[in-house]
């Protein structure tokens, strides 16, 4: 990920970037078989809910 000027980001933008970084980590764990698909689905669902991220179709908004 490119260098980001965190000072200029809104709290909502910071939250979205944090969510995307956490999702990327989960994706990596799944790709390397460190977690199962069920664990991935549960963790991503919990992350989405707790961070208040809304989804439409496949991607986060």
PDB file of N, CA and C in Angstrom:
ATOM      1  N   UNK A   1       0.845  -1.172   0.000  1.00  0.00           N
ATOM      2  CA  UNK A   1       0.000   0.000   0.000  1.00  0.00           C
ATOM      3  C   UNK A   1       0.890   1.235   0.000  1.00  0.00           C
ATOM      4  N   UNK A   2       0.492   2.245  -0.758  1.00  0.00           N
ATOM      5  CA  UNK A   2       1.264   3.479  -0.850  1.00  0.00           C
ATOM      6  C   UNK A   2       1.266   4.212   0.478  1.00  0.00           C
ATOM      7  N   UNK A   3       2.240   5.114   0.612  1.00  0.00           N
ATOM      8  CA  UNK A   3       2.300   5.943   1.809  1.00  0.00           C
ATOM      9  C   UNK A   3       1.049   6.813   1.866  1.00  0.00           C
ATOM     10  N   UNK A   4       0.470   6.905   3.039  1.00  0.00           N
ATOM     11  CA  UNK A   4      -0.783   7.628   3.209  1.00  0.00           C
ATOM     12  C   UNK A   4      -0.574   8.730   4.238  1.00  0.00           C
ATOM     13  N   UNK A   5      -1.071   9.913   3.944  1.00  0.00           N
ATOM     14  CA  UNK A   5      -1.007  11.023   4.886  1.00  0.00           C
ATOM     15  C   UNK A   5      -2.203  10.894   5.829  1.00  0.00           C
ATOM     16  N   UNK A   6      -2.004  10.178   6.940  1.00  0.00           N
ATOM     17  CA  UNK A   6      -3.083   9.890   7.877  1.00  0.00           C
ATOM     18  C   UNK A   6      -3.698  11.149   8.454  1.00  0.00           C
ATOM     19  N   UNK A   7      -2.914  12.204   8.555  1.00  0.00           N
ATOM     20  CA  UNK A   7      -3.408  13.464   9.122  1.00  0.00           C
ATOM     21  C   UNK A   7      -4.536  14.062   8.285  1.00  0.00           C
ATOM     22  N   UNK A   8      -4.527  13.793   7.012  1.00  0.00           N
ATOM     23  CA  UNK A   8      -5.524  14.384   6.107  1.00  0.00           C
ATOM     24  C   UNK A   8      -6.769  13.524   5.919  1.00  0.00           C
ATOM     25  N   UNK A   9      -6.736  12.318   6.428  1.00  0.00           N
ATOM     26  CA  UNK A   9      -7.876  11.415   6.245  1.00  0.00           C
ATOM     27  C   UNK A   9      -8.957  11.688   7.278  1.00  0.00           C
ATOM     28  N   UNK A  10     -10.190  11.498   6.855  1.00  0.00           N
ATOM     29  CA  UNK A  10     -11.310  11.610   7.785  1.00  0.00           C
ATOM     30  C   UNK A  10     -11.348  10.333   8.637  1.00  0.00           C
ATOM     31  N   UNK A  11     -12.023  10.383   9.777  1.00  0.00           N
ATOM     32  CA  UNK A  11     -12.154   9.152  10.574  1.00  0.00           C
ATOM     33  C   UNK A  11     -12.782   8.007   9.774  1.00  0.00           C
ATOM     34  N   UNK A  12     -13.735   8.308   8.917  1.00  0.00           N
ATOM     35  CA  UNK A  12     -14.373   7.271   8.097  1.00  0.00           C
ATOM     36  C   UNK A  12     -13.373   6.654   7.114  1.00  0.00           C
ATOM     37  N   UNK A  13     -12.523   7.483   6.515  1.00  0.00           N
ATOM     38  CA  UNK A  13     -11.505   6.972   5.597  1.00  0.00           C
ATOM     39  C   UNK A  13     -10.492   6.105   6.340  1.00  0.00           C
ATOM     40  N   UNK A  14     -10.106   6.521   7.531  1.00  0.00           N
ATOM     41  CA  UNK A  14      -9.178   5.734   8.345  1.00  0.00           C
ATOM     42  C   UNK A  14      -9.785   4.378   8.692  1.00  0.00           C
ATOM     43  N   UNK A  15     -11.067   4.379   9.050  1.00  0.00           N
ATOM     44  CA  UNK A  15     -11.743   3.133   9.401  1.00  0.00           C
ATOM     45  C   UNK A  15     -11.798   2.198   8.204  1.00  0.00           C
ATOM     46  N   UNK A  16     -12.099   2.739   7.027  1.00  0.00           N
ATOM     47  CA  UNK A  16     -12.175   1.912   5.823  1.00  0.00           C
ATOM     48  C   UNK A  16     -10.804   1.313   5.495  1.00  0.00           C
ATOM     49  N   UNK A  17      -9.741   2.111   5.608  1.00  0.00           N
ATOM     50  CA  UNK A  17      -8.403   1.593   5.338  1.00  0.00           C
ATOM     51  C   UNK A  17      -8.006   0.512   6.344  1.00  0.00           C
ATOM     52  N   UNK A  18      -8.338   0.719   7.602  1.00  0.00           N
ATOM     53  CA  UNK A  18      -8.059  -0.299   8.615  1.00  0.00           C
ATOM     54  C   UNK A  18      -8.800  -1.591   8.280  1.00  0.00           C
ATOM     55  N   UNK A  19     -10.067  -1.462   7.912  1.00  0.00           N
ATOM     56  CA  UNK A  19     -10.848  -2.640   7.534  1.00  0.00           C
ATOM     57  C   UNK A  19     -10.183  -3.377   6.369  1.00  0.00           C
ATOM     58  N   UNK A  20      -9.776  -2.625   5.351  1.00  0.00           N
ATOM     59  CA  UNK A  20      -9.165  -3.248   4.173  1.00  0.00           C
ATOM     60  C   UNK A  20      -7.842  -3.944   4.518  1.00  0.00           C
ATOM     61  N   UNK A  21      -7.060  -3.353   5.411  1.00  0.00           N
ATOM     62  CA  UNK A  21      -5.811  -3.987   5.840  1.00  0.00           C
ATOM     63  C   UNK A  21      -6.097  -5.273   6.608  1.00  0.00           C
ATOM     64  N   UNK A  22      -7.101  -5.238   7.482  1.00  0.00           N
ATOM     65  CA  UNK A  22      -7.453  -6.430   8.252  1.00  0.00           C
ATOM     66  C   UNK A  22      -8.000  -7.530   7.336  1.00  0.00           C
ATOM     67  N   UNK A  23      -8.793  -7.134   6.336  1.00  0.00           N
ATOM     68  CA  UNK A  23      -9.319  -8.115   5.383  1.00  0.00           C
ATOM     69  C   UNK A  23      -8.187  -8.723   4.563  1.00  0.00           C
ATOM     70  N   UNK A  24      -7.233  -7.886   4.170  1.00  0.00           N
ATOM     71  CA  UNK A  24      -6.078  -8.383   3.422  1.00  0.00           C
ATOM     72  C   UNK A  24      -5.301  -9.414   4.246  1.00  0.00           C
ATOM     73  N   UNK A  25      -5.171  -9.183   5.548  1.00  0.00           N
ATOM     74  CA  UNK A  25      -4.497 -10.136   6.421  1.00  0.00           C
ATOM     75  C   UNK A  25      -5.274 -11.455   6.485  1.00  0.00           C
ATOM     76  N   UNK A  26      -6.587 -11.355   6.625  1.00  0.00           N
ATOM     77  CA  UNK A  26      -7.410 -12.578   6.613  1.00  0.00           C
ATOM     78  C   UNK A  26      -7.268 -13.314   5.287  1.00  0.00           C
ATOM     79  N   UNK A  27      -7.254 -12.575   4.180  1.00  0.00           N
ATOM     80  CA  UNK A  27      -7.078 -13.186   2.851  1.00  0.00           C
ATOM     81  C   UNK A  27      -5.752 -13.952   2.780  1.00  0.00           C
ATOM     82  N   UNK A  28      -4.699 -13.343   3.342  1.00  0.00           N
ATOM     83  CA  UNK A  28      -3.385 -13.984   3.347  1.00  0.00           C
ATOM     84  C   UNK A  28      -3.401 -15.257   4.175  1.00  0.00           C
ATOM     85  N   UNK A  29      -4.015 -15.192   5.362  1.00  0.00           N
ATOM     86  CA  UNK A  29      -4.114 -16.393   6.202  1.00  0.00           C
ATOM     87  C   UNK A  29      -4.840 -17.512   5.462  1.00  0.00           C
ATOM     88  N   UNK A  30      -5.928 -17.166   4.794  1.00  0.00           N
ATOM     89  CA  UNK A  30      -6.701 -18.178   4.062  1.00  0.00           C
ATOM     90  C   UNK A  30      -5.887 -18.757   2.908  1.00  0.00           C
ATOM     91  N   UNK A  31      -5.208 -17.884   2.171  1.00  0.00           N
ATOM     92  CA  UNK A  31      -4.416 -18.331   1.023  1.00  0.00           C
ATOM     93  C   UNK A  31      -3.286 -19.274   1.433  1.00  0.00           C
ATOM     94  N   UNK A  32      -2.754 -19.084   2.630  1.00  0.00           N
ATOM     95  CA  UNK A  32      -1.662 -19.925   3.111  1.00  0.00           C
ATOM     96  C   UNK A  32      -2.156 -21.066   4.015  1.00  0.00           C
ATOM     97  N   UNK A  33      -3.467 -21.268   4.003  1.00  0.00           N
ATOM     98  CA  UNK A  33      -4.097 -22.362   4.762  1.00  0.00           C
ATOM     99  C   UNK A  33      -3.810 -22.287   6.258  1.00  0.00           C
ATOM    100  N   UNK A  34      -3.613 -21.065   6.753  1.00  0.00           N
ATOM    101  CA  UNK A  34      -3.414 -20.879   8.194  1.00  0.00           C
ATOM    102  C   UNK A  34      -4.748 -20.899   8.930  1.00  0.00           C
ATOM    103  N   UNK A  35      -5.830 -20.605   8.200  1.00  0.00           N
ATOM    104  CA  UNK A  35      -7.186 -20.685   8.743  1.00  0.00           C
ATOM    105  C   UNK A  35      -8.070 -21.371   7.710  1.00  0.00           C
ATOM    106  N   UNK A  36      -9.169 -21.919   8.184  1.00  0.00           N
ATOM    107  CA  UNK A  36     -10.112 -22.586   7.278  1.00  0.00           C
ATOM    108  C   UNK A  36     -11.068 -21.547   6.672  1.00  0.00           C
ATOM    109  N   UNK A  37     -11.797 -21.982   5.661  1.00  0.00           N
ATOM    110  CA  UNK A  37     -12.790 -21.097   5.040  1.00  0.00           C
ATOM    111  C   UNK A  37     -13.844 -20.685   6.069  1.00  0.00           C
ATOM    112  N   UNK A  38     -14.224 -21.615   6.926  1.00  0.00           N
ATOM    113  CA  UNK A  38     -15.218 -21.310   7.963  1.00  0.00           C
ATOM    114  C   UNK A  38     -14.686 -20.255   8.935  1.00  0.00           C
ATOM    115  N   UNK A  39     -13.414 -20.373   9.329  1.00  0.00           N
ATOM    116  CA  UNK A  39     -12.810 -19.382  10.219  1.00  0.00           C
ATOM    117  C   UNK A  39     -12.723 -18.016   9.534  1.00  0.00           C
ATOM    118  N   UNK A  40     -12.371 -18.032   8.257  1.00  0.00           N
ATOM    119  CA  UNK A  40     -12.295 -16.796   7.476  1.00  0.00           C
ATOM    120  C   UNK A  40     -13.665 -16.118   7.425  1.00  0.00           C
ATOM    121  N   UNK A  41     -14.685 -16.893   7.079  1.00  0.00           N
ATOM    122  CA  UNK A  41     -16.042 -16.339   6.970  1.00  0.00           C
ATOM    123  C   UNK A  41     -16.509 -15.754   8.302  1.00  0.00           C
ATOM    124  N   UNK A  42     -16.251 -16.463   9.375  1.00  0.00           N
ATOM    125  CA  UNK A  42     -16.645 -15.989  10.711  1.00  0.00           C
ATOM    126  C   UNK A  42     -15.892 -14.710  11.072  1.00  0.00           C
ATOM    127  N   UNK A  43     -14.588 -14.715  10.878  1.00  0.00           N
ATOM    128  CA  UNK A  43     -13.770 -13.548  11.224  1.00  0.00           C
ATOM    129  C   UNK A  43     -14.134 -12.338  10.382  1.00  0.00           C
ATOM    130  N   UNK A  44     -14.335 -12.537   9.090  1.00  0.00           N
ATOM    131  CA  UNK A  44     -14.697 -11.423   8.220  1.00  0.00           C
ATOM    132  C   UNK A  44     -16.077 -10.885   8.577  1.00  0.00           C
ATOM    133  N   UNK A  45     -16.996 -11.777   8.888  1.00  0.00           N
ATOM    134  CA  UNK A  45     -18.331 -11.344   9.302  1.00  0.00           C
ATOM    135  C   UNK A  45     -18.293 -10.541  10.593  1.00  0.00           C
ATOM    136  N   UNK A  46     -17.519 -11.031  11.559  1.00  0.00           N
ATOM    137  CA  UNK A  46     -17.378 -10.315  12.829  1.00  0.00           C
ATOM    138  C   UNK A  46     -16.719  -8.959  12.628  1.00  0.00           C
ATOM    139  N   UNK A  47     -15.664  -8.919  11.822  1.00  0.00           N
ATOM    140  CA  UNK A  47     -14.949  -7.672  11.544  1.00  0.00           C
ATOM    141  C   UNK A  47     -15.881  -6.662  10.884  1.00  0.00           C
ATOM    142  N   UNK A  48     -16.627  -7.119   9.899  1.00  0.00           N
ATOM    143  CA  UNK A  48     -17.551  -6.249   9.176  1.00  0.00           C
ATOM    144  C   UNK A  48     -18.611  -5.683  10.114  1.00  0.00           C
ATOM    145  N   UNK A  49     -19.158  -6.549  10.953  1.00  0.00           N
ATOM    146  CA  UNK A  49     -20.199  -6.122  11.892  1.00  0.00           C
ATOM    147  C   UNK A  49     -19.653  -5.150  12.941  1.00  0.00           C
ATOM    148  N   UNK A  50     -18.546  -5.509  13.566  1.00  0.00           N
ATOM    149  CA  UNK A  50     -18.011  -4.690  14.650  1.00  0.00           C
ATOM    150  C   UNK A  50     -17.492  -3.337  14.186  1.00  0.00           C
ATOM    151  N   UNK A  51     -17.028  -3.284  12.935  1.00  0.00           N
ATOM    152  CA  UNK A  51     -16.530  -2.006  12.411  1.00  0.00           C
ATOM    153  C   UNK A  51     -17.636  -1.194  11.742  1.00  0.00           C
ATOM    154  N   UNK A  52     -18.811  -1.804  11.621  1.00  0.00           N
ATOM    155  CA  UNK A  52     -19.936  -1.102  11.023  1.00  0.00           C
ATOM    156  C   UNK A  52     -19.775  -0.863   9.536  1.00  0.00           C
ATOM    157  N   UNK A  53     -19.103  -1.787   8.863  1.00  0.00           N
ATOM    158  CA  UNK A  53     -18.885  -1.669   7.433  1.00  0.00           C
ATOM    159  C   UNK A  53     -20.103  -2.231   6.711  1.00  0.00           C
ATOM    160  N   UNK A  54     -20.626  -1.458   5.768  1.00  0.00           N
ATOM    161  CA  UNK A  54     -21.762  -1.904   4.977  1.00  0.00           C
ATOM    162  C   UNK A  54     -21.241  -2.530   3.692  1.00  0.00           C
ATOM    163  N   UNK A  55     -21.915  -3.585   3.231  1.00  0.00           N
ATOM    164  CA  UNK A  55     -21.500  -4.232   1.991  1.00  0.00           C
ATOM    165  C   UNK A  55     -22.659  -4.274   1.017  1.00  0.00           C
ATOM    166  N   UNK A  56     -22.317  -4.187  -0.245  1.00  0.00           N
ATOM    167  CA  UNK A  56     -23.255  -4.383  -1.330  1.00  0.00           C
ATOM    168  C   UNK A  56     -22.619  -5.392  -2.257  1.00  0.00           C
ATOM    169  N   UNK A  57     -23.264  -6.506  -2.476  1.00  0.00           N
ATOM    170  CA  UNK A  57     -22.702  -7.509  -3.338  1.00  0.00           C
ATOM    171  C   UNK A  57     -21.420  -8.075  -2.746  1.00  0.00           C
ATOM    172  N   UNK A  58     -20.331  -7.954  -3.481  1.00  0.00           N
ATOM    173  CA  UNK A  58     -19.082  -8.571  -3.086  1.00  0.00           C
ATOM    174  C   UNK A  58     -18.172  -7.685  -2.243  1.00  0.00           C
ATOM    175  N   UNK A  59     -18.125  -6.372  -2.532  1.00  0.00           N
ATOM    176  CA  UNK A  59     -17.097  -5.557  -1.897  1.00  0.00           C
ATOM    177  C   UNK A  59     -17.611  -4.626  -0.814  1.00  0.00           C
ATOM    178  N   UNK A  60     -16.718  -4.237   0.093  1.00  0.00           N
ATOM    179  CA  UNK A  60     -17.108  -3.292   1.151  1.00  0.00           C
ATOM    180  C   UNK A  60     -17.306  -1.894   0.611  1.00  0.00           C
ATOM    181  N   UNK A  61     -18.127  -1.141   1.280  1.00  0.00           N
ATOM    182  CA  UNK A  61     -18.374   0.254   0.871  1.00  0.00           C
ATOM    183  C   UNK A  61     -17.813   1.170   1.918  1.00  0.00           C
TER     184      UNK A  61
END
